[in-house]
Amino acid sequence: MIKLYQRRLFIFIAAVLSTSSVADHRARSGDAAHDHARHALERGEVRPIAEILARVAETVPGEVIGVEFERQHRHEQSVWIYEIKVLAVDGQRREVEVDAATGRILNVEDD
């Protein structure tokens, strides 16, 4: 009986530790993305997120449930991309890719 209890306790502790490590990593990577976005905006390389979100709302009305900011290589150029996750009014989750420099919507797909 004690061995079963110890095993369950070990599994619980391992799960908590691995979850907190993942959460810490996500928080740090989220902070890094925020910093990249802020610096890119200060340098005039990207449009303000409020402007981007307004354009996305015109194309895919709904509730924004996630935003990612990343560097991608497209057509042999490095560009900043916003990936906006939207819970559309029809209940579907959609991912909208936006060129952060121009605000142009590049792609809309079901998530």
PDB file of N, CA and C in Angstrom:
ATOM      1  N   MET A   1       0.830  -1.196   0.000  1.00  0.00           N
ATOM      2  CA  MET A   1       0.000   0.000   0.000  1.00  0.00           C
ATOM      3  C   MET A   1       0.868   1.251   0.000  1.00  0.00           C
ATOM      4  N   ILE A   2       1.921   1.272   0.802  1.00  0.00           N
ATOM      5  CA  ILE A   2       2.790   2.434   0.868  1.00  0.00           C
ATOM      6  C   ILE A   2       3.505   2.631  -0.459  1.00  0.00           C
ATOM      7  N   LYS A   3       3.924   1.542  -1.092  1.00  0.00           N
ATOM      8  CA  LYS A   3       4.615   1.676  -2.379  1.00  0.00           C
ATOM      9  C   LYS A   3       3.702   2.295  -3.423  1.00  0.00           C
ATOM     10  N   LEU A   4       2.421   1.917  -3.437  1.00  0.00           N
ATOM     11  CA  LEU A   4       1.461   2.494  -4.378  1.00  0.00           C
ATOM     12  C   LEU A   4       1.302   3.991  -4.109  1.00  0.00           C
ATOM     13  N   TYR A   5       1.194   4.367  -2.830  1.00  0.00           N
ATOM     14  CA  TYR A   5       1.079   5.769  -2.449  1.00  0.00           C
ATOM     15  C   TYR A   5       2.320   6.544  -2.877  1.00  0.00           C
ATOM     16  N   GLN A   6       3.509   5.983  -2.628  1.00  0.00           N
ATOM     17  CA  GLN A   6       4.760   6.639  -3.000  1.00  0.00           C
ATOM     18  C   GLN A   6       4.839   6.810  -4.513  1.00  0.00           C
ATOM     19  N   ARG A   7       4.413   5.798  -5.243  1.00  0.00           N
ATOM     20  CA  ARG A   7       4.447   5.878  -6.709  1.00  0.00           C
ATOM     21  C   ARG A   7       3.526   6.996  -7.204  1.00  0.00           C
ATOM     22  N   ARG A   8       2.319   7.048  -6.654  1.00  0.00           N
ATOM     23  CA  ARG A   8       1.373   8.104  -7.053  1.00  0.00           C
ATOM     24  C   ARG A   8       1.906   9.489  -6.700  1.00  0.00           C
ATOM     25  N   LEU A   9       2.521   9.598  -5.533  1.00  0.00           N
ATOM     26  CA  LEU A   9       3.099  10.866  -5.115  1.00  0.00           C
ATOM     27  C   LEU A   9       4.232  11.270  -6.053  1.00  0.00           C
ATOM     28  N   PHE A  10       5.080  10.336  -6.422  1.00  0.00           N
ATOM     29  CA  PHE A  10       6.175  10.606  -7.347  1.00  0.00           C
ATOM     30  C   PHE A  10       5.635  11.073  -8.708  1.00  0.00           C
ATOM     31  N   ILE A  11       4.614  10.380  -9.214  1.00  0.00           N
ATOM     32  CA  ILE A  11       4.015  10.759 -10.508  1.00  0.00           C
ATOM     33  C   ILE A  11       3.423  12.160 -10.418  1.00  0.00           C
ATOM     34  N   PHE A  12       2.738  12.462  -9.310  1.00  0.00           N
ATOM     35  CA  PHE A  12       2.146  13.785  -9.127  1.00  0.00           C
ATOM     36  C   PHE A  12       3.225  14.869  -9.114  1.00  0.00           C
ATOM     37  N   ILE A  13       4.306  14.639  -8.339  1.00  0.00           N
ATOM     38  CA  ILE A  13       5.386  15.629  -8.251  1.00  0.00           C
ATOM     39  C   ILE A  13       6.052  15.814  -9.607  1.00  0.00           C
ATOM     40  N   ALA A  14       6.294  14.718 -10.323  1.00  0.00           N
ATOM     41  CA  ALA A  14       6.905  14.807 -11.652  1.00  0.00           C
ATOM     42  C   ALA A  14       6.018  15.600 -12.603  1.00  0.00           C
ATOM     43  N   ALA A  15       4.709  15.374 -12.532  1.00  0.00           N
ATOM     44  CA  ALA A  15       3.782  16.109 -13.405  1.00  0.00           C
ATOM     45  C   ALA A  15       3.785  17.594 -13.092  1.00  0.00           C
ATOM     46  N   VAL A  16       3.789  17.935 -11.798  1.00  0.00           N
ATOM     47  CA  VAL A  16       3.800  19.343 -11.401  1.00  0.00           C
ATOM     48  C   VAL A  16       5.090  20.014 -11.861  1.00  0.00           C
ATOM     49  N   LEU A  17       6.217  19.349 -11.652  1.00  0.00           N
ATOM     50  CA  LEU A  17       7.493  19.939 -12.055  1.00  0.00           C
ATOM     51  C   LEU A  17       7.585  20.122 -13.559  1.00  0.00           C
ATOM     52  N   SER A  18       7.135  19.135 -14.324  1.00  0.00           N
ATOM     53  CA  SER A  18       7.221  19.275 -15.784  1.00  0.00           C
ATOM     54  C   SER A  18       6.267  20.347 -16.282  1.00  0.00           C
ATOM     55  N   THR A  19       5.099  20.464 -15.683  1.00  0.00           N
ATOM     56  CA  THR A  19       4.141  21.496 -16.077  1.00  0.00           C
ATOM     57  C   THR A  19       4.685  22.882 -15.767  1.00  0.00           C
ATOM     58  N   SER A  20       5.287  23.061 -14.598  1.00  0.00           N
ATOM     59  CA  SER A  20       5.807  24.383 -14.257  1.00  0.00           C
ATOM     60  C   SER A  20       6.982  24.739 -15.151  1.00  0.00           C
ATOM     61  N   SER A  21       7.801  23.770 -15.541  1.00  0.00           N
ATOM     62  CA  SER A  21       8.907  24.051 -16.455  1.00  0.00           C
ATOM     63  C   SER A  21       8.383  24.516 -17.801  1.00  0.00           C
ATOM     64  N   VAL A  22       7.349  23.840 -18.297  1.00  0.00           N
ATOM     65  CA  VAL A  22       6.746  24.240 -19.573  1.00  0.00           C
ATOM     66  C   VAL A  22       6.141  25.623 -19.451  1.00  0.00           C
ATOM     67  N   ALA A  23       5.436  25.891 -18.353  1.00  0.00           N
ATOM     68  CA  ALA A  23       4.821  27.202 -18.162  1.00  0.00           C
ATOM     69  C   ALA A  23       5.883  28.287 -18.072  1.00  0.00           C
ATOM     70  N   ASP A  24       6.970  28.020 -17.347  1.00  0.00           N
ATOM     71  CA  ASP A  24       8.051  29.003 -17.253  1.00  0.00           C
ATOM     72  C   ASP A  24       8.643  29.287 -18.618  1.00  0.00           C
ATOM     73  N   HIS A  25       8.868  28.237 -19.425  1.00  0.00           N
ATOM     74  CA  HIS A  25       9.433  28.419 -20.765  1.00  0.00           C
ATOM     75  C   HIS A  25       8.482  29.240 -21.639  1.00  0.00           C
ATOM     76  N   ARG A  26       7.186  28.919 -21.570  1.00  0.00           N
ATOM     77  CA  ARG A  26       6.210  29.674 -22.363  1.00  0.00           C
ATOM     78  C   ARG A  26       6.180  31.126 -21.941  1.00  0.00           C
ATOM     79  N   ALA A  27       6.252  31.380 -20.646  1.00  0.00           N
ATOM     80  CA  ALA A  27       6.242  32.768 -20.160  1.00  0.00           C
ATOM     81  C   ALA A  27       7.465  33.507 -20.669  1.00  0.00           C
ATOM     82  N   ARG A  28       8.638  32.859 -20.595  1.00  0.00           N
ATOM     83  CA  ARG A  28       9.860  33.519 -21.065  1.00  0.00           C
ATOM     84  C   ARG A  28       9.794  33.764 -22.568  1.00  0.00           C
ATOM     85  N   SER A  29       9.300  32.780 -23.345  1.00  0.00           N
ATOM     86  CA  SER A  29       9.242  32.969 -24.793  1.00  0.00           C
ATOM     87  C   SER A  29       8.190  34.019 -25.149  1.00  0.00           C
ATOM     88  N   GLY A  30       7.093  34.097 -24.359  1.00  0.00           N
ATOM     89  CA  GLY A  30       6.093  35.134 -24.580  1.00  0.00           C
ATOM     90  C   GLY A  30       6.657  36.515 -24.309  1.00  0.00           C
ATOM     91  N   ASP A  31       7.459  36.624 -23.248  1.00  0.00           N
ATOM     92  CA  ASP A  31       8.113  37.896 -22.941  1.00  0.00           C
ATOM     93  C   ASP A  31       9.052  38.302 -24.067  1.00  0.00           C
ATOM     94  N   ALA A  32       9.792  37.340 -24.605  1.00  0.00           N
ATOM     95  CA  ALA A  32      10.728  37.624 -25.695  1.00  0.00           C
ATOM     96  C   ALA A  32       9.974  38.124 -26.925  1.00  0.00           C
ATOM     97  N   ALA A  33       8.854  37.483 -27.252  1.00  0.00           N
ATOM     98  CA  ALA A  33       8.060  37.912 -28.411  1.00  0.00           C
ATOM     99  C   ALA A  33       7.537  39.329 -28.198  1.00  0.00           C
ATOM    100  N   HIS A  34       7.093  39.619 -26.976  1.00  0.00           N
ATOM    101  CA  HIS A  34       6.604  40.958 -26.671  1.00  0.00           C
ATOM    102  C   HIS A  34       7.714  41.989 -26.851  1.00  0.00           C
ATOM    103  N   ASP A  35       8.897  41.658 -26.355  1.00  0.00           N
ATOM    104  CA  ASP A  35      10.037  42.567 -26.501  1.00  0.00           C
ATOM    105  C   ASP A  35      10.402  42.780 -27.965  1.00  0.00           C
ATOM    106  N   HIS A  36      10.399  41.692 -28.755  1.00  0.00           N
ATOM    107  CA  HIS A  36      10.699  41.814 -30.190  1.00  0.00           C
ATOM    108  C   HIS A  36       9.679  42.732 -30.868  1.00  0.00           C
ATOM    109  N   ALA A  37       8.401  42.549 -30.532  1.00  0.00           N
ATOM    110  CA  ALA A  37       7.349  43.365 -31.141  1.00  0.00           C
ATOM    111  C   ALA A  37       7.513  44.834 -30.771  1.00  0.00           C
ATOM    112  N   ARG A  38       7.794  45.091 -29.496  1.00  0.00           N
ATOM    113  CA  ARG A  38       7.952  46.483 -29.046  1.00  0.00           C
ATOM    114  C   ARG A  38       9.138  47.151 -29.744  1.00  0.00           C
ATOM    115  N   HIS A  39      10.251  46.440 -29.821  1.00  0.00           N
ATOM    116  CA  HIS A  39      11.441  47.012 -30.473  1.00  0.00           C
ATOM    117  C   HIS A  39      11.204  47.227 -31.970  1.00  0.00           C
ATOM    118  N   ALA A  40      10.534  46.279 -32.612  1.00  0.00           N
ATOM    119  CA  ALA A  40      10.239  46.423 -34.042  1.00  0.00           C
ATOM    120  C   ALA A  40       9.320  47.618 -34.278  1.00  0.00           C
ATOM    121  N   LEU A  41       8.353  47.829 -33.388  1.00  0.00           N
ATOM    122  CA  LEU A  41       7.455  48.981 -33.504  1.00  0.00           C
ATOM    123  C   LEU A  41       8.244  50.278 -33.317  1.00  0.00           C
ATOM    124  N   GLU A  42       9.123  50.319 -32.328  1.00  0.00           N
ATOM    125  CA  GLU A  42       9.936  51.512 -32.081  1.00  0.00           C
ATOM    126  C   GLU A  42      10.815  51.850 -33.281  1.00  0.00           C
ATOM    127  N   ARG A  43      11.278  50.827 -33.996  1.00  0.00           N
ATOM    128  CA  ARG A  43      12.124  51.042 -35.179  1.00  0.00           C
ATOM    129  C   ARG A  43      11.296  51.325 -36.435  1.00  0.00           C
ATOM    130  N   GLY A  44       9.970  51.279 -36.315  1.00  0.00           N
ATOM    131  CA  GLY A  44       9.110  51.546 -37.461  1.00  0.00           C
ATOM    132  C   GLY A  44       9.016  50.376 -38.427  1.00  0.00           C
ATOM    133  N   GLU A  45       9.367  49.174 -37.976  1.00  0.00           N
ATOM    134  CA  GLU A  45       9.341  48.001 -38.844  1.00  0.00           C
ATOM    135  C   GLU A  45       7.968  47.345 -38.920  1.00  0.00           C
ATOM    136  N   VAL A  46       7.097  47.622 -37.952  1.00  0.00           N
ATOM    137  CA  VAL A  46       5.776  46.989 -37.913  1.00  0.00           C
ATOM    138  C   VAL A  46       4.706  48.013 -37.587  1.00  0.00           C
ATOM    139  N   ARG A  47       3.472  47.663 -37.896  1.00  0.00           N
ATOM    140  CA  ARG A  47       2.318  48.496 -37.576  1.00  0.00           C
ATOM    141  C   ARG A  47       1.901  48.207 -36.131  1.00  0.00           C
ATOM    142  N   PRO A  48       1.250  49.154 -35.460  1.00  0.00           N
ATOM    143  CA  PRO A  48       0.765  48.920 -34.095  1.00  0.00           C
ATOM    144  C   PRO A  48      -0.250  47.778 -34.057  1.00  0.00           C
ATOM    145  N   ILE A  49      -0.223  47.007 -32.988  1.00  0.00           N
ATOM    146  CA  ILE A  49      -1.109  45.849 -32.863  1.00  0.00           C
ATOM    147  C   ILE A  49      -2.580  46.261 -32.910  1.00  0.00           C
ATOM    148  N   ALA A  50      -2.935  47.427 -32.400  1.00  0.00           N
ATOM    149  CA  ALA A  50      -4.337  47.875 -32.450  1.00  0.00           C
ATOM    150  C   ALA A  50      -4.803  48.008 -33.899  1.00  0.00           C
ATOM    151  N   GLU A  51      -3.936  48.527 -34.750  1.00  0.00           N
ATOM    152  CA  GLU A  51      -4.270  48.652 -36.173  1.00  0.00           C
ATOM    153  C   GLU A  51      -4.414  47.267 -36.810  1.00  0.00           C
ATOM    154  N   ILE A  52      -3.514  46.363 -36.470  1.00  0.00           N
ATOM    155  CA  ILE A  52      -3.564  44.999 -37.010  1.00  0.00           C
ATOM    156  C   ILE A  52      -4.869  44.321 -36.586  1.00  0.00           C
ATOM    157  N   LEU A  53      -5.206  44.434 -35.303  1.00  0.00           N
ATOM    158  CA  LEU A  53      -6.419  43.790 -34.801  1.00  0.00           C
ATOM    159  C   LEU A  53      -7.671  44.365 -35.443  1.00  0.00           C
ATOM    160  N   ALA A  54      -7.685  45.667 -35.721  1.00  0.00           N
ATOM    161  CA  ALA A  54      -8.836  46.278 -36.386  1.00  0.00           C
ATOM    162  C   ALA A  54      -9.009  45.700 -37.790  1.00  0.00           C
ATOM    163  N   ARG A  55      -7.908  45.513 -38.505  1.00  0.00           N
ATOM    164  CA  ARG A  55      -7.982  44.924 -39.856  1.00  0.00           C
ATOM    165  C   ARG A  55      -8.447  43.480 -39.798  1.00  0.00           C
ATOM    166  N   VAL A  56      -7.954  42.740 -38.823  1.00  0.00           N
ATOM    167  CA  VAL A  56      -8.368  41.345 -38.679  1.00  0.00           C
ATOM    168  C   VAL A  56      -9.861  41.275 -38.367  1.00  0.00           C
ATOM    169  N   ALA A  57     -10.354  42.159 -37.503  1.00  0.00           N
ATOM    170  CA  ALA A  57     -11.775  42.161 -37.128  1.00  0.00           C
ATOM    171  C   ALA A  57     -12.678  42.417 -38.330  1.00  0.00           C
ATOM    172  N   GLU A  58     -12.205  43.205 -39.294  1.00  0.00           N
ATOM    173  CA  GLU A  58     -12.986  43.452 -40.502  1.00  0.00           C
ATOM    174  C   GLU A  58     -13.103  42.186 -41.354  1.00  0.00           C
ATOM    175  N   THR A  59     -12.060  41.385 -41.356  1.00  0.00           N
ATOM    176  CA  THR A  59     -12.020  40.184 -42.188  1.00  0.00           C
ATOM    177  C   THR A  59     -12.612  38.973 -41.482  1.00  0.00           C
ATOM    178  N   VAL A  60     -12.284  38.801 -40.207  1.00  0.00           N
ATOM    179  CA  VAL A  60     -12.757  37.657 -39.424  1.00  0.00           C
ATOM    180  C   VAL A  60     -13.333  38.182 -38.109  1.00  0.00           C
ATOM    181  N   PRO A  61     -14.606  38.582 -38.117  1.00  0.00           N
ATOM    182  CA  PRO A  61     -15.209  39.079 -36.878  1.00  0.00           C
ATOM    183  C   PRO A  61     -15.246  37.976 -35.823  1.00  0.00           C
ATOM    184  N   GLY A  62     -15.005  38.363 -34.590  1.00  0.00           N
ATOM    185  CA  GLY A  62     -15.040  37.403 -33.491  1.00  0.00           C
ATOM    186  C   GLY A  62     -14.160  37.868 -32.356  1.00  0.00           C
ATOM    187  N   GLU A  63     -13.842  36.940 -31.467  1.00  0.00           N
ATOM    188  CA  GLU A  63     -13.033  37.245 -30.283  1.00  0.00           C
ATOM    189  C   GLU A  63     -11.598  36.765 -30.494  1.00  0.00           C
ATOM    190  N   VAL A  64     -10.651  37.658 -30.318  1.00  0.00           N
ATOM    191  CA  VAL A  64      -9.240  37.285 -30.423  1.00  0.00           C
ATOM    192  C   VAL A  64      -8.889  36.469 -29.188  1.00  0.00           C
ATOM    193  N   ILE A  65      -8.373  35.252 -29.423  1.00  0.00           N
ATOM    194  CA  ILE A  65      -8.030  34.371 -28.305  1.00  0.00           C
ATOM    195  C   ILE A  65      -6.530  34.087 -28.228  1.00  0.00           C
ATOM    196  N   GLY A  66      -5.763  34.633 -29.180  1.00  0.00           N
ATOM    197  CA  GLY A  66      -4.321  34.439 -29.124  1.00  0.00           C
ATOM    198  C   GLY A  66      -3.612  35.274 -30.168  1.00  0.00           C
ATOM    199  N   VAL A  67      -2.410  35.705 -29.826  1.00  0.00           N
ATOM    200  CA  VAL A  67      -1.585  36.485 -30.749  1.00  0.00           C
ATOM    201  C   VAL A  67      -0.157  35.976 -30.641  1.00  0.00           C
ATOM    202  N   GLU A  68       0.444  35.685 -31.780  1.00  0.00           N
ATOM    203  CA  GLU A  68       1.859  35.327 -31.823  1.00  0.00           C
ATOM    204  C   GLU A  68       2.565  36.305 -32.753  1.00  0.00           C
ATOM    205  N   PHE A  69       3.805  36.571 -32.456  1.00  0.00           N
ATOM    206  CA  PHE A  69       4.615  37.487 -33.254  1.00  0.00           C
ATOM    207  C   PHE A  69       5.914  36.773 -33.549  1.00  0.00           C
ATOM    208  N   GLU A  70       6.209  36.594 -34.834  1.00  0.00           N
ATOM    209  CA  GLU A  70       7.409  35.839 -35.168  1.00  0.00           C
ATOM    210  C   GLU A  70       8.027  36.299 -36.474  1.00  0.00           C
ATOM    211  N   ARG A  71       9.270  35.942 -36.625  1.00  0.00           N
ATOM    212  CA  ARG A  71      10.018  36.244 -37.842  1.00  0.00           C
ATOM    213  C   ARG A  71       9.891  35.036 -38.767  1.00  0.00           C
ATOM    214  N   GLN A  72       9.516  35.262 -40.002  1.00  0.00           N
ATOM    215  CA  GLN A  72       9.422  34.190 -40.996  1.00  0.00           C
ATOM    216  C   GLN A  72      10.180  34.591 -42.246  1.00  0.00           C
ATOM    217  N   HIS A  73      10.565  33.594 -43.001  1.00  0.00           N
ATOM    218  CA  HIS A  73      11.228  33.839 -44.283  1.00  0.00           C
ATOM    219  C   HIS A  73      10.220  33.562 -45.396  1.00  0.00           C
ATOM    220  N   ARG A  74       9.925  34.589 -46.151  1.00  0.00           N
ATOM    221  CA  ARG A  74       8.984  34.480 -47.266  1.00  0.00           C
ATOM    222  C   ARG A  74       9.589  35.165 -48.474  1.00  0.00           C
ATOM    223  N   HIS A  75       9.546  34.464 -49.580  1.00  0.00           N
ATOM    224  CA  HIS A  75      10.068  35.009 -50.839  1.00  0.00           C
ATOM    225  C   HIS A  75      11.486  35.538 -50.659  1.00  0.00           C
ATOM    226  N   GLU A  76      12.313  34.731 -49.985  1.00  0.00           N
ATOM    227  CA  GLU A  76      13.725  35.044 -49.761  1.00  0.00           C
ATOM    228  C   GLU A  76      13.947  36.318 -48.945  1.00  0.00           C
ATOM    229  N   GLN A  77      12.930  36.709 -48.164  1.00  0.00           N
ATOM    230  CA  GLN A  77      13.061  37.858 -47.274  1.00  0.00           C
ATOM    231  C   GLN A  77      12.614  37.448 -45.874  1.00  0.00           C
ATOM    232  N   SER A  78      13.198  38.102 -44.890  1.00  0.00           N
ATOM    233  CA  SER A  78      12.801  37.890 -43.515  1.00  0.00           C
ATOM    234  C   SER A  78      11.759  38.950 -43.157  1.00  0.00           C
ATOM    235  N   VAL A  79      10.572  38.510 -42.719  1.00  0.00           N
ATOM    236  CA  VAL A  79       9.486  39.442 -42.412  1.00  0.00           C
ATOM    237  C   VAL A  79       8.889  39.113 -41.046  1.00  0.00           C
ATOM    238  N   TRP A  80       8.339  40.135 -40.391  1.00  0.00           N
ATOM    239  CA  TRP A  80       7.608  39.946 -39.146  1.00  0.00           C
ATOM    240  C   TRP A  80       6.172  39.577 -39.477  1.00  0.00           C
ATOM    241  N   ILE A  81       5.667  38.567 -38.794  1.00  0.00           N
ATOM    242  CA  ILE A  81       4.298  38.078 -39.014  1.00  0.00           C
ATOM    243  C   ILE A  81       3.554  38.046 -37.681  1.00  0.00           C
ATOM    244  N   TYR A  82       2.319  38.541 -37.702  1.00  0.00           N
ATOM    245  CA  TYR A  82       1.412  38.330 -36.583  1.00  0.00           C
ATOM    246  C   TYR A  82       0.540  37.139 -36.940  1.00  0.00           C
ATOM    247  N   GLU A  83       0.426  36.184 -36.036  1.00  0.00           N
ATOM    248  CA  GLU A  83      -0.540  35.100 -36.167  1.00  0.00           C
ATOM    249  C   GLU A  83      -1.614  35.351 -35.123  1.00  0.00           C
ATOM    250  N   ILE A  84      -2.795  35.683 -35.605  1.00  0.00           N
ATOM    251  CA  ILE A  84      -3.905  36.027 -34.719  1.00  0.00           C
ATOM    252  C   ILE A  84      -4.892  34.862 -34.725  1.00  0.00           C
ATOM    253  N   LYS A  85      -5.181  34.340 -33.546  1.00  0.00           N
ATOM    254  CA  LYS A  85      -6.175  33.274 -33.420  1.00  0.00           C
ATOM    255  C   LYS A  85      -7.490  33.927 -33.002  1.00  0.00           C
ATOM    256  N   VAL A  86      -8.538  33.596 -33.758  1.00  0.00           N
ATOM    257  CA  VAL A  86      -9.843  34.222 -33.550  1.00  0.00           C
ATOM    258  C   VAL A  86     -10.901  33.142 -33.377  1.00  0.00           C
ATOM    259  N   LEU A  87     -11.741  33.318 -32.377  1.00  0.00           N
ATOM    260  CA  LEU A  87     -12.939  32.511 -32.253  1.00  0.00           C
ATOM    261  C   LEU A  87     -14.017  33.288 -33.002  1.00  0.00           C
ATOM    262  N   ALA A  88     -14.284  32.839 -34.221  1.00  0.00           N
ATOM    263  CA  ALA A  88     -15.185  33.574 -35.119  1.00  0.00           C
ATOM    264  C   ALA A  88     -16.628  33.505 -34.614  1.00  0.00           C
ATOM    265  N   VAL A  89     -17.460  34.408 -35.126  1.00  0.00           N
ATOM    266  CA  VAL A  89     -18.855  34.478 -34.691  1.00  0.00           C
ATOM    267  C   VAL A  89     -19.619  33.198 -35.014  1.00  0.00           C
ATOM    268  N   ASP A  90     -19.137  32.415 -35.982  1.00  0.00           N
ATOM    269  CA  ASP A  90     -19.788  31.149 -36.306  1.00  0.00           C
ATOM    270  C   ASP A  90     -19.301  30.000 -35.421  1.00  0.00           C
ATOM    271  N   GLY A  91     -18.430  30.320 -34.438  1.00  0.00           N
ATOM    272  CA  GLY A  91     -17.945  29.314 -33.500  1.00  0.00           C
ATOM    273  C   GLY A  91     -16.674  28.609 -33.937  1.00  0.00           C
ATOM    274  N   GLN A  92     -16.214  28.876 -35.135  1.00  0.00           N
ATOM    275  CA  GLN A  92     -14.993  28.250 -35.641  1.00  0.00           C
ATOM    276  C   GLN A  92     -13.766  29.010 -35.147  1.00  0.00           C
ATOM    277  N   ARG A  93     -12.689  28.256 -34.886  1.00  0.00           N
ATOM    278  CA  ARG A  93     -11.410  28.900 -34.571  1.00  0.00           C
ATOM    279  C   ARG A  93     -10.664  29.107 -35.874  1.00  0.00           C
ATOM    280  N   ARG A  94     -10.168  30.325 -36.064  1.00  0.00           N
ATOM    281  CA  ARG A  94      -9.431  30.648 -37.282  1.00  0.00           C
ATOM    282  C   ARG A  94      -8.078  31.250 -36.922  1.00  0.00           C
ATOM    283  N   GLU A  95      -7.115  30.992 -37.788  1.00  0.00           N
ATOM    284  CA  GLU A  95      -5.801  31.612 -37.634  1.00  0.00           C
ATOM    285  C   GLU A  95      -5.609  32.561 -38.799  1.00  0.00           C
ATOM    286  N   VAL A  96      -5.294  33.805 -38.467  1.00  0.00           N
ATOM    287  CA  VAL A  96      -5.110  34.843 -39.475  1.00  0.00           C
ATOM    288  C   VAL A  96      -3.650  35.269 -39.445  1.00  0.00           C
ATOM    289  N   GLU A  97      -2.964  35.112 -40.576  1.00  0.00           N
ATOM    290  CA  GLU A  97      -1.580  35.565 -40.680  1.00  0.00           C
ATOM    291  C   GLU A  97      -1.567  36.939 -41.316  1.00  0.00           C
ATOM    292  N   VAL A  98      -0.840  37.860 -40.657  1.00  0.00           N
ATOM    293  CA  VAL A  98      -0.812  39.251 -41.099  1.00  0.00           C
ATOM    294  C   VAL A  98       0.635  39.701 -41.234  1.00  0.00           C
ATOM    295  N   ASP A  99       0.955  40.351 -42.340  1.00  0.00           N
ATOM    296  CA  ASP A  99       2.268  40.974 -42.501  1.00  0.00           C
ATOM    297  C   ASP A  99       2.308  42.148 -41.528  1.00  0.00           C
ATOM    298  N   ALA A 100       3.184  42.064 -40.538  1.00  0.00           N
ATOM    299  CA  ALA A 100       3.220  43.073 -39.482  1.00  0.00           C
ATOM    300  C   ALA A 100       3.685  44.432 -39.983  1.00  0.00           C
ATOM    301  N   ALA A 101       4.439  44.461 -41.069  1.00  0.00           N
ATOM    302  CA  ALA A 101       4.947  45.735 -41.593  1.00  0.00           C
ATOM    303  C   ALA A 101       3.879  46.504 -42.354  1.00  0.00           C
ATOM    304  N   THR A 102       3.046  45.781 -43.094  1.00  0.00           N
ATOM    305  CA  THR A 102       2.065  46.446 -43.950  1.00  0.00           C
ATOM    306  C   THR A 102       0.634  46.348 -43.431  1.00  0.00           C
ATOM    307  N   GLY A 103       0.385  45.373 -42.563  1.00  0.00           N
ATOM    308  CA  GLY A 103      -0.975  45.126 -42.093  1.00  0.00           C
ATOM    309  C   GLY A 103      -1.787  44.291 -43.060  1.00  0.00           C
ATOM    310  N   ARG A 104      -1.169  43.852 -44.145  1.00  0.00           N
ATOM    311  CA  ARG A 104      -1.867  43.052 -45.151  1.00  0.00           C
ATOM    312  C   ARG A 104      -2.129  41.648 -44.627  1.00  0.00           C
ATOM    313  N   ILE A 105      -3.364  41.185 -44.779  1.00  0.00           N
ATOM    314  CA  ILE A 105      -3.713  39.828 -44.360  1.00  0.00           C
ATOM    315  C   ILE A 105      -3.190  38.867 -45.424  1.00  0.00           C
ATOM    316  N   LEU A 106      -2.373  37.929 -44.970  1.00  0.00           N
ATOM    317  CA  LEU A 106      -1.730  36.996 -45.883  1.00  0.00           C
ATOM    318  C   LEU A 106      -2.489  35.699 -46.044  1.00  0.00           C
ATOM    319  N   ASN A 107      -3.131  35.248 -44.953  1.00  0.00           N
ATOM    320  CA  ASN A 107      -3.779  33.948 -45.000  1.00  0.00           C
ATOM    321  C   ASN A 107      -4.799  33.857 -43.862  1.00  0.00           C
ATOM    322  N   VAL A 108      -5.919  33.195 -44.142  1.00  0.00           N
ATOM    323  CA  VAL A 108      -6.907  32.879 -43.125  1.00  0.00           C
ATOM    324  C   VAL A 108      -7.216  31.399 -43.282  1.00  0.00           C
ATOM    325  N   GLU A 109      -7.080  30.667 -42.180  1.00  0.00           N
ATOM    326  CA  GLU A 109      -7.405  29.240 -42.252  1.00  0.00           C
ATOM    327  C   GLU A 109      -8.041  28.788 -40.968  1.00  0.00           C
ATOM    328  N   ASP A 110      -8.822  27.700 -41.063  1.00  0.00           N
ATOM    329  CA  ASP A 110      -9.414  27.116 -39.868  1.00  0.00           C
ATOM    330  C   ASP A 110      -8.302  26.537 -39.027  1.00  0.00           C
ATOM    331  N   ASP A 111      -8.420  26.726 -37.726  1.00  0.00           N
ATOM    332  CA  ASP A 111      -7.384  26.269 -36.802  1.00  0.00           C
ATOM    333  C   ASP A 111      -7.773  24.950 -36.199  1.00  0.00           C
TER     334      ASP A 111
END
